[in-house]
N, C-alpha and C. Protein backbone atom coordinates (compact mmCIF):
# COMPACT_ATOMS: atom_id res chain seq x y z
N MET A 1 0.83 -1.01 -0.09
CA MET A 1 0.19 0.08 0.13
C MET A 1 0.94 1.35 -0.02
N LYS A 2 2.02 1.41 0.53
CA LYS A 2 2.66 2.28 0.88
C LYS A 2 3.36 2.71 -0.65
N LYS A 3 3.99 1.53 -1.29
CA LYS A 3 4.72 1.89 -2.44
C LYS A 3 3.59 2.25 -3.34
N LEU A 4 2.54 1.59 -3.77
CA LEU A 4 1.34 1.92 -4.53
C LEU A 4 1.01 3.52 -4.48
N THR A 5 0.69 4.05 -3.22
CA THR A 5 0.56 5.34 -3.14
C THR A 5 1.65 6.15 -3.10
N ALA A 6 2.64 5.86 -2.90
CA ALA A 6 3.82 6.85 -3.12
C ALA A 6 4.07 6.78 -4.71
N ASP A 7 3.90 5.63 -5.43
CA ASP A 7 3.81 5.80 -7.03
C ASP A 7 2.78 6.96 -7.45
N LEU A 8 1.53 6.80 -6.73
CA LEU A 8 0.47 7.55 -7.40
C LEU A 8 0.82 9.11 -6.99
N PHE A 9 0.94 9.17 -5.86
CA PHE A 9 1.36 10.48 -5.47
C PHE A 9 2.49 11.23 -6.28
N ASP A 10 3.45 10.45 -6.55
CA ASP A 10 4.64 10.69 -7.75
C ASP A 10 3.83 11.23 -8.76
N SER A 11 3.40 10.38 -9.48
CA SER A 11 2.68 10.50 -10.64
C SER A 11 1.65 11.51 -10.75
N TYR A 12 0.92 11.80 -9.96
CA TYR A 12 -0.26 12.83 -9.89
C TYR A 12 0.40 14.35 -9.39
N ASN A 13 1.25 14.17 -8.63
CA ASN A 13 1.42 15.55 -7.98
C ASN A 13 2.40 16.27 -8.63
N LEU A 14 2.83 16.02 -9.73
CA LEU A 14 4.02 16.80 -10.52
C LEU A 14 3.39 18.17 -10.71
N GLY A 15 2.39 18.77 -10.95
CA GLY A 15 1.71 19.89 -11.28
C GLY A 15 1.23 20.71 -9.73
N ASN A 16 1.09 19.70 -8.74
CA ASN A 16 0.62 20.31 -7.64
C ASN A 16 1.37 19.91 -6.26
N SER A 17 1.95 20.47 -5.62
CA SER A 17 3.00 20.08 -4.65
C SER A 17 2.27 20.52 -3.21
N ASN A 18 0.93 21.19 -3.32
CA ASN A 18 0.25 21.36 -2.20
C ASN A 18 -0.68 20.51 -1.63
N ILE A 19 -0.55 19.24 -2.26
CA ILE A 19 -1.43 18.15 -1.52
C ILE A 19 -0.49 17.15 -1.10
N SER A 20 -0.73 16.92 0.25
CA SER A 20 -0.39 15.79 1.22
C SER A 20 -0.89 14.59 1.31
N LEU A 21 -0.39 13.53 1.53
CA LEU A 21 -0.71 12.15 1.71
C LEU A 21 -0.45 11.74 2.94
N LYS A 22 -1.36 11.34 3.90
CA LYS A 22 -1.30 10.64 4.95
C LYS A 22 -1.94 9.39 5.13
N LEU A 23 -0.95 8.18 5.62
CA LEU A 23 -1.09 6.73 5.67
C LEU A 23 -1.16 6.58 6.99
N ASN A 24 -2.33 5.84 7.49
CA ASN A 24 -2.36 4.98 8.95
C ASN A 24 -2.52 3.77 8.61
N LEU A 25 -1.55 2.91 8.40
CA LEU A 25 -1.79 1.64 7.93
C LEU A 25 -1.47 0.55 8.78
N GLU A 26 -2.38 -0.08 9.56
CA GLU A 26 -2.29 -1.17 10.48
C GLU A 26 -1.31 -2.19 9.53
N GLN A 27 -0.34 -3.04 10.20
CA GLN A 27 0.20 -4.10 9.43
C GLN A 27 -0.78 -5.09 9.23
N VAL A 28 -1.47 -5.52 8.23
CA VAL A 28 -2.19 -6.59 7.90
C VAL A 28 -1.59 -7.53 6.64
N TYR A 29 -2.09 -8.92 6.79
CA TYR A 29 -1.39 -9.90 5.70
C TYR A 29 -2.59 -10.13 4.86
N LEU A 30 -3.08 -9.89 3.84
CA LEU A 30 -4.22 -10.34 2.92
C LEU A 30 -3.66 -11.17 1.75
N GLY A 31 -4.57 -11.95 1.46
CA GLY A 31 -4.42 -13.08 0.20
C GLY A 31 -4.15 -12.10 -1.04
N MET A 32 -3.65 -12.85 -2.27
CA MET A 32 -3.70 -11.89 -3.40
C MET A 32 -5.10 -11.70 -4.12
N ASP A 33 -6.25 -12.71 -3.50
CA ASP A 33 -7.40 -12.42 -4.30
C ASP A 33 -8.11 -11.06 -3.52
N THR A 34 -7.55 -10.92 -2.06
CA THR A 34 -8.12 -9.50 -1.75
C THR A 34 -7.02 -8.57 -1.82
N ALA A 35 -5.99 -8.60 -1.66
CA ALA A 35 -5.20 -7.65 -1.92
C ALA A 35 -5.15 -7.04 -3.51
N ILE A 36 -5.24 -7.72 -4.54
CA ILE A 36 -5.16 -6.95 -5.83
C ILE A 36 -6.25 -5.97 -5.82
N PRO A 37 -7.74 -6.67 -5.82
CA PRO A 37 -8.50 -5.79 -5.71
C PRO A 37 -8.73 -4.49 -4.91
N LEU A 38 -7.85 -4.76 -3.76
CA LEU A 38 -8.12 -3.44 -2.90
C LEU A 38 -6.91 -2.41 -3.62
N GLY A 39 -5.91 -2.86 -3.84
CA GLY A 39 -4.97 -1.96 -4.37
C GLY A 39 -5.54 -1.39 -5.69
N ILE A 40 -6.22 -1.89 -6.39
CA ILE A 40 -7.15 -1.22 -7.51
C ILE A 40 -8.14 -0.33 -7.24
N ILE A 41 -8.72 -0.85 -6.06
CA ILE A 41 -9.65 0.44 -5.55
C ILE A 41 -8.96 1.58 -4.86
N VAL A 42 -7.87 1.34 -4.39
CA VAL A 42 -7.32 2.62 -3.72
C VAL A 42 -6.69 3.35 -4.86
N SER A 43 -6.16 2.66 -5.89
CA SER A 43 -5.53 3.47 -6.93
C SER A 43 -6.72 4.27 -7.76
N GLU A 44 -7.56 3.78 -8.10
CA GLU A 44 -8.81 4.46 -8.51
C GLU A 44 -9.36 5.70 -7.53
N LEU A 45 -9.47 5.46 -6.47
CA LEU A 45 -10.27 6.51 -5.52
C LEU A 45 -9.18 7.86 -5.39
N VAL A 46 -7.77 7.08 -5.12
CA VAL A 46 -6.56 8.17 -5.05
C VAL A 46 -6.54 8.95 -6.27
N SER A 47 -6.70 8.24 -7.36
CA SER A 47 -6.61 8.94 -8.69
C SER A 47 -7.46 9.94 -8.96
N SER A 48 -8.84 9.62 -8.38
CA SER A 48 -10.17 10.02 -8.64
C SER A 48 -9.92 11.67 -7.74
N SER A 49 -9.24 11.69 -6.29
CA SER A 49 -8.90 12.53 -5.60
C SER A 49 -7.96 13.47 -6.20
N PHE A 50 -7.03 13.19 -6.91
CA PHE A 50 -6.37 13.80 -7.72
C PHE A 50 -6.52 14.63 -8.94
N LYS A 51 -7.55 14.01 -9.61
CA LYS A 51 -7.90 14.67 -10.95
C LYS A 51 -9.27 15.37 -10.35
N HIS A 52 -10.05 15.20 -9.45
CA HIS A 52 -11.19 16.24 -9.34
C HIS A 52 -11.49 16.88 -8.19
N ALA A 53 -10.66 16.70 -7.17
CA ALA A 53 -10.75 17.11 -5.57
C ALA A 53 -9.88 18.58 -5.57
N PHE A 54 -8.94 18.69 -6.28
CA PHE A 54 -8.11 19.66 -6.06
C PHE A 54 -7.94 20.58 -7.23
N PRO A 55 -8.71 21.19 -7.97
CA PRO A 55 -8.43 22.00 -9.08
C PRO A 55 -7.51 23.09 -8.71
N ALA A 56 -6.90 23.47 -10.13
CA ALA A 56 -5.93 24.82 -10.04
C ALA A 56 -5.07 25.01 -8.76
N GLY A 57 -4.42 23.93 -8.56
CA GLY A 57 -3.33 24.08 -7.40
C GLY A 57 -3.94 24.26 -5.89
N ARG A 58 -5.16 23.85 -5.70
CA ARG A 58 -5.68 23.94 -4.46
C ARG A 58 -4.83 23.24 -3.53
N GLU A 59 -4.88 23.42 -2.25
CA GLU A 59 -4.13 22.59 -1.11
C GLU A 59 -5.07 21.92 -0.38
N GLY A 60 -4.53 20.72 -0.21
CA GLY A 60 -5.56 19.74 0.61
C GLY A 60 -4.71 18.37 1.04
N LYS A 61 -5.30 17.36 1.52
CA LYS A 61 -4.97 16.20 2.16
C LYS A 61 -5.85 15.01 1.42
N ILE A 62 -4.93 13.84 1.47
CA ILE A 62 -5.38 12.69 0.95
C ILE A 62 -5.02 11.85 1.89
N GLN A 63 -5.97 11.08 2.80
CA GLN A 63 -5.52 10.23 3.79
C GLN A 63 -5.96 8.65 3.36
N ILE A 64 -5.26 7.87 3.83
CA ILE A 64 -5.85 6.43 3.83
C ILE A 64 -5.77 5.69 5.02
N ASP A 65 -6.69 5.18 5.66
CA ASP A 65 -6.45 4.55 6.87
C ASP A 65 -7.09 2.86 6.52
N LEU A 66 -6.23 1.93 7.01
CA LEU A 66 -6.40 0.33 6.94
C LEU A 66 -6.10 0.03 8.33
N ARG A 67 -7.35 -0.86 8.94
CA ARG A 67 -6.96 -1.49 10.08
C ARG A 67 -8.28 -2.60 10.43
N ARG A 68 -7.81 -3.44 11.42
CA ARG A 68 -8.78 -4.41 11.66
C ARG A 68 -9.63 -3.67 12.51
N THR A 69 -10.92 -4.43 12.33
CA THR A 69 -11.97 -3.82 13.05
C THR A 69 -11.58 -4.32 14.56
N LYS A 70 -12.28 -3.65 15.66
CA LYS A 70 -12.10 -3.78 17.11
C LYS A 70 -12.92 -4.79 17.53
N ILE A 71 -14.17 -4.85 16.91
CA ILE A 71 -15.40 -5.74 17.25
C ILE A 71 -15.68 -6.11 15.81
N PRO A 72 -15.94 -7.64 15.46
CA PRO A 72 -16.34 -7.57 14.04
C PRO A 72 -17.67 -6.65 13.68
N ALA A 73 -17.42 -6.00 12.49
CA ALA A 73 -18.76 -5.05 12.18
C ALA A 73 -19.68 -5.82 11.14
N PHE A 74 -20.53 -6.17 11.60
CA PHE A 74 -21.80 -6.66 10.99
C PHE A 74 -22.63 -5.80 10.08
N LYS A 75 -23.09 -6.30 8.73
CA LYS A 75 -23.65 -5.57 7.81
C LYS A 75 -24.80 -4.86 8.79
N SER A 76 -25.60 -5.49 9.49
CA SER A 76 -26.84 -5.10 10.19
C SER A 76 -26.09 -3.71 11.10
N ASP A 77 -25.07 -3.42 11.35
CA ASP A 77 -24.56 -2.87 12.14
C ASP A 77 -24.46 -1.20 10.98
N ILE A 78 -24.01 -1.53 10.00
CA ILE A 78 -23.99 -0.54 9.07
C ILE A 78 -24.90 0.03 8.18
N PHE A 79 -25.74 -0.85 7.86
CA PHE A 79 -26.67 -0.54 6.79
C PHE A 79 -28.25 -0.67 7.11
N GLY A 80 -28.51 -1.07 8.49
CA GLY A 80 -29.77 -1.30 8.86
C GLY A 80 -30.04 -3.10 9.07
N SER A 81 -31.25 -3.35 8.95
CA SER A 81 -31.52 -4.64 9.39
C SER A 81 -32.09 -5.31 8.20
N ASP A 82 -31.73 -5.27 7.06
CA ASP A 82 -32.43 -6.38 6.17
C ASP A 82 -31.95 -7.62 6.04
N LYS A 83 -32.45 -8.46 5.67
CA LYS A 83 -32.38 -9.98 5.79
C LYS A 83 -31.01 -10.59 5.45
N GLU A 84 -30.64 -10.03 4.15
CA GLU A 84 -29.35 -10.52 3.59
C GLU A 84 -28.09 -9.78 4.70
N CYS A 85 -28.31 -8.73 5.46
CA CYS A 85 -27.31 -8.25 6.10
C CYS A 85 -27.32 -8.67 7.52
N MET A 86 -28.34 -8.99 8.03
CA MET A 86 -28.30 -10.12 9.34
C MET A 86 -27.51 -11.39 9.04
N GLU A 87 -27.62 -12.16 8.01
CA GLU A 87 -26.98 -13.37 7.75
C GLU A 87 -25.71 -13.23 7.30
N LYS A 88 -24.97 -12.04 6.94
CA LYS A 88 -23.44 -12.10 6.90
C LYS A 88 -22.92 -12.25 8.23
N LYS A 89 -21.34 -12.88 7.98
CA LYS A 89 -20.93 -12.61 9.13
C LYS A 89 -20.01 -11.56 9.28
N GLY A 90 -19.58 -11.03 10.40
CA GLY A 90 -18.84 -9.85 10.70
C GLY A 90 -17.33 -9.63 9.83
N PHE A 91 -17.16 -8.36 9.63
CA PHE A 91 -16.20 -7.86 8.56
C PHE A 91 -14.97 -7.51 9.53
N GLN A 92 -13.88 -8.24 9.01
CA GLN A 92 -12.36 -8.12 10.00
C GLN A 92 -11.71 -6.94 9.55
N TYR A 93 -11.95 -6.11 8.70
CA TYR A 93 -11.13 -4.80 8.38
C TYR A 93 -12.06 -3.70 7.59
N ILE A 94 -11.32 -2.53 7.89
CA ILE A 94 -11.98 -1.37 7.26
C ILE A 94 -10.79 -0.39 6.63
N LEU A 95 -11.19 -0.25 5.11
CA LEU A 95 -10.18 0.57 4.56
C LEU A 95 -11.30 2.11 4.42
N GLU A 96 -10.39 3.13 4.62
CA GLU A 96 -10.85 4.34 4.44
C GLU A 96 -10.12 5.21 3.82
N ILE A 97 -10.76 5.81 2.67
CA ILE A 97 -10.12 6.80 1.71
C ILE A 97 -10.68 8.17 1.79
N SER A 98 -10.00 9.15 2.02
CA SER A 98 -10.75 10.39 2.31
C SER A 98 -9.78 11.40 1.57
N ASP A 99 -10.51 12.68 1.16
CA ASP A 99 -9.87 13.78 0.76
C ASP A 99 -10.55 14.88 1.20
N ASN A 100 -9.86 16.27 1.47
CA ASN A 100 -10.50 17.38 2.05
C ASN A 100 -10.63 18.37 0.78
N GLY A 101 -10.85 18.03 -0.49
CA GLY A 101 -11.06 18.89 -1.62
C GLY A 101 -12.34 19.25 -1.86
N LYS A 102 -12.55 19.39 -3.26
CA LYS A 102 -13.97 20.21 -3.12
C LYS A 102 -14.96 19.37 -3.08
N GLY A 103 -15.05 18.16 -2.68
CA GLY A 103 -16.44 17.31 -2.48
C GLY A 103 -16.80 16.90 -3.82
N ILE A 104 -17.58 15.94 -3.47
CA ILE A 104 -18.16 14.99 -4.81
C ILE A 104 -19.72 15.51 -4.92
N LEU A 105 -20.08 15.44 -6.18
CA LEU A 105 -21.46 15.95 -6.44
C LEU A 105 -22.48 15.11 -5.59
N LYS A 106 -23.54 15.51 -5.17
CA LYS A 106 -24.75 14.97 -4.82
C LYS A 106 -25.31 13.90 -5.45
N GLU A 107 -25.34 13.97 -6.59
CA GLU A 107 -25.73 13.39 -7.71
C GLU A 107 -25.20 12.23 -8.08
N ILE A 108 -23.98 11.84 -7.36
CA ILE A 108 -23.06 10.89 -7.71
C ILE A 108 -23.26 9.66 -6.77
N TYR A 109 -23.67 8.63 -7.18
CA TYR A 109 -23.79 7.47 -6.32
C TYR A 109 -23.23 6.24 -6.68
N ILE A 110 -22.41 5.70 -5.97
CA ILE A 110 -21.47 4.31 -6.32
C ILE A 110 -22.06 3.23 -7.10
N GLU A 111 -23.53 3.16 -6.50
CA GLU A 111 -24.17 2.01 -7.24
C GLU A 111 -24.21 2.19 -8.56
N ASN A 112 -24.44 3.30 -8.91
CA ASN A 112 -25.15 3.45 -10.31
C ASN A 112 -24.50 4.73 -10.85
N SER A 113 -22.98 4.70 -10.72
CA SER A 113 -22.34 5.98 -11.37
C SER A 113 -22.08 5.95 -12.62
N ASN A 114 -21.87 7.07 -13.49
CA ASN A 114 -21.76 6.93 -14.81
C ASN A 114 -20.14 6.69 -15.04
N SER A 115 -19.39 7.15 -13.84
CA SER A 115 -18.04 7.08 -13.76
C SER A 115 -17.60 5.91 -14.01
N LEU A 116 -16.68 5.48 -14.76
CA LEU A 116 -15.99 4.05 -14.94
C LEU A 116 -15.17 3.69 -13.93
N GLY A 117 -14.62 4.57 -13.45
CA GLY A 117 -13.59 4.48 -11.96
C GLY A 117 -14.73 3.82 -11.06
N LEU A 118 -15.79 4.93 -10.86
CA LEU A 118 -16.58 4.29 -9.66
C LEU A 118 -17.20 3.04 -9.87
N GLN A 119 -17.86 2.80 -11.03
CA GLN A 119 -18.17 1.42 -11.33
C GLN A 119 -17.22 0.29 -11.20
N LEU A 120 -16.25 0.46 -11.25
CA LEU A 120 -14.91 -0.42 -11.15
C LEU A 120 -14.81 -0.88 -9.66
N VAL A 121 -14.83 0.52 -8.88
CA VAL A 121 -14.98 0.37 -7.44
C VAL A 121 -16.09 -0.69 -6.98
N HIS A 122 -17.06 -0.23 -7.24
CA HIS A 122 -18.25 -0.66 -7.03
C HIS A 122 -18.03 -2.55 -7.06
N ILE A 123 -17.81 -2.91 -8.27
CA ILE A 123 -17.71 -4.14 -8.89
C ILE A 123 -16.53 -4.67 -7.78
N LEU A 124 -15.47 -4.19 -7.95
CA LEU A 124 -14.15 -4.81 -6.89
C LEU A 124 -14.73 -4.90 -5.50
N VAL A 125 -15.62 -4.23 -4.87
CA VAL A 125 -16.03 -4.21 -3.42
C VAL A 125 -17.00 -5.58 -3.46
N GLU A 126 -17.83 -5.67 -4.51
CA GLU A 126 -18.63 -6.80 -4.34
C GLU A 126 -17.77 -8.03 -4.66
N GLN A 127 -16.80 -7.98 -5.51
CA GLN A 127 -15.82 -9.32 -5.82
C GLN A 127 -15.19 -9.89 -4.40
N ILE A 128 -14.81 -8.91 -3.42
CA ILE A 128 -14.42 -9.05 -2.26
C ILE A 128 -15.32 -9.25 -1.09
N ASP A 129 -16.60 -9.43 -1.53
CA ASP A 129 -17.56 -9.31 -0.75
C ASP A 129 -17.72 -8.73 0.50
N GLY A 130 -17.38 -7.12 0.15
CA GLY A 130 -17.41 -6.01 0.80
C GLY A 130 -18.40 -5.03 0.91
N TYR A 131 -18.26 -4.42 1.59
CA TYR A 131 -19.56 -3.13 1.57
C TYR A 131 -19.00 -1.81 1.48
N ILE A 132 -19.32 -1.06 0.70
CA ILE A 132 -18.85 0.38 0.65
C ILE A 132 -19.92 1.49 0.90
N LYS A 133 -19.54 2.43 1.49
CA LYS A 133 -20.18 3.48 1.63
C LYS A 133 -19.57 5.01 1.50
N LEU A 134 -20.36 5.94 1.08
CA LEU A 134 -19.59 7.00 0.69
C LEU A 134 -20.11 8.17 1.71
N GLU A 135 -19.33 9.07 2.39
CA GLU A 135 -19.77 10.05 3.26
C GLU A 135 -19.56 11.42 2.63
N ARG A 136 -20.22 12.58 2.76
CA ARG A 136 -20.06 13.45 2.10
C ARG A 136 -20.10 14.51 3.39
N GLY A 137 -18.96 15.49 3.25
CA GLY A 137 -19.34 16.40 4.37
C GLY A 137 -18.01 17.31 4.02
N GLN A 138 -17.38 17.68 5.35
CA GLN A 138 -16.04 18.75 5.16
C GLN A 138 -15.12 17.92 4.50
N GLU A 139 -15.31 16.32 4.32
CA GLU A 139 -14.10 15.34 3.58
C GLU A 139 -15.08 14.76 2.93
N THR A 140 -14.44 13.89 1.55
CA THR A 140 -15.32 12.76 1.10
C THR A 140 -14.47 11.83 1.41
N LYS A 141 -15.32 10.81 2.06
CA LYS A 141 -14.92 9.63 2.58
C LYS A 141 -15.42 8.54 1.91
N PHE A 142 -14.57 7.52 1.48
CA PHE A 142 -15.00 6.04 1.02
C PHE A 142 -14.68 5.12 2.03
N ILE A 143 -15.67 4.55 2.77
CA ILE A 143 -15.46 3.40 3.69
C ILE A 143 -15.74 1.89 3.31
N ILE A 144 -14.52 1.27 3.28
CA ILE A 144 -14.95 -0.04 2.73
C ILE A 144 -14.76 -1.19 3.82
N TRP A 145 -15.87 -2.09 4.07
CA TRP A 145 -15.70 -2.92 5.25
C TRP A 145 -15.56 -4.10 4.26
N PHE A 146 -14.47 -5.27 4.83
CA PHE A 146 -14.29 -6.36 4.01
C PHE A 146 -13.58 -7.40 5.07
N ASN A 147 -13.42 -8.66 4.42
CA ASN A 147 -12.87 -9.52 5.04
C ASN A 147 -11.82 -10.48 4.12
N ASP A 148 -10.78 -11.09 4.45
CA ASP A 148 -9.81 -11.53 3.76
C ASP A 148 -10.36 -12.64 3.09
N ILE A 149 -10.68 -12.79 1.63
CA ILE A 149 -11.24 -13.98 1.16
C ILE A 149 -10.66 -15.42 1.28
N GLU A 150 -9.30 -15.11 1.42
CA GLU A 150 -8.86 -16.49 1.79
C GLU A 150 -8.53 -17.02 3.27
N THR A 151 -9.39 -16.55 3.99
CA THR A 151 -9.15 -16.94 5.50
C THR A 151 -10.63 -17.40 5.64
């Protein structure tokens, strides 16, 4: 994750040195079937932040947090009490990718976006049997709950 984000930062930050990157990464070991989709998800969301959140040299911060959950997070805790959510086992990990840029349009939803990048993110989150939530406010934050597929 550190190498991936450093390479993305170097690639996109050429014209704007006012963007900082903060990583809070707990050391976790994930199987390839989980790690590769997560890497692509991080790449898509960080690239999107660079492209859209900080126009015209705007200052800002991109932050990535990866950690184990303290208590298993159940879908029912996250999304309400529908039947499918109640039947799922708890999630072991949380990945959060946020930026304090200009914000994402209210009309954009992950589930049915016209953006190829967000469509890919949605498909990859489903592929790892995870769940994603978009929070809008002072920050744009994508929160992804997941388990390691190989455990």
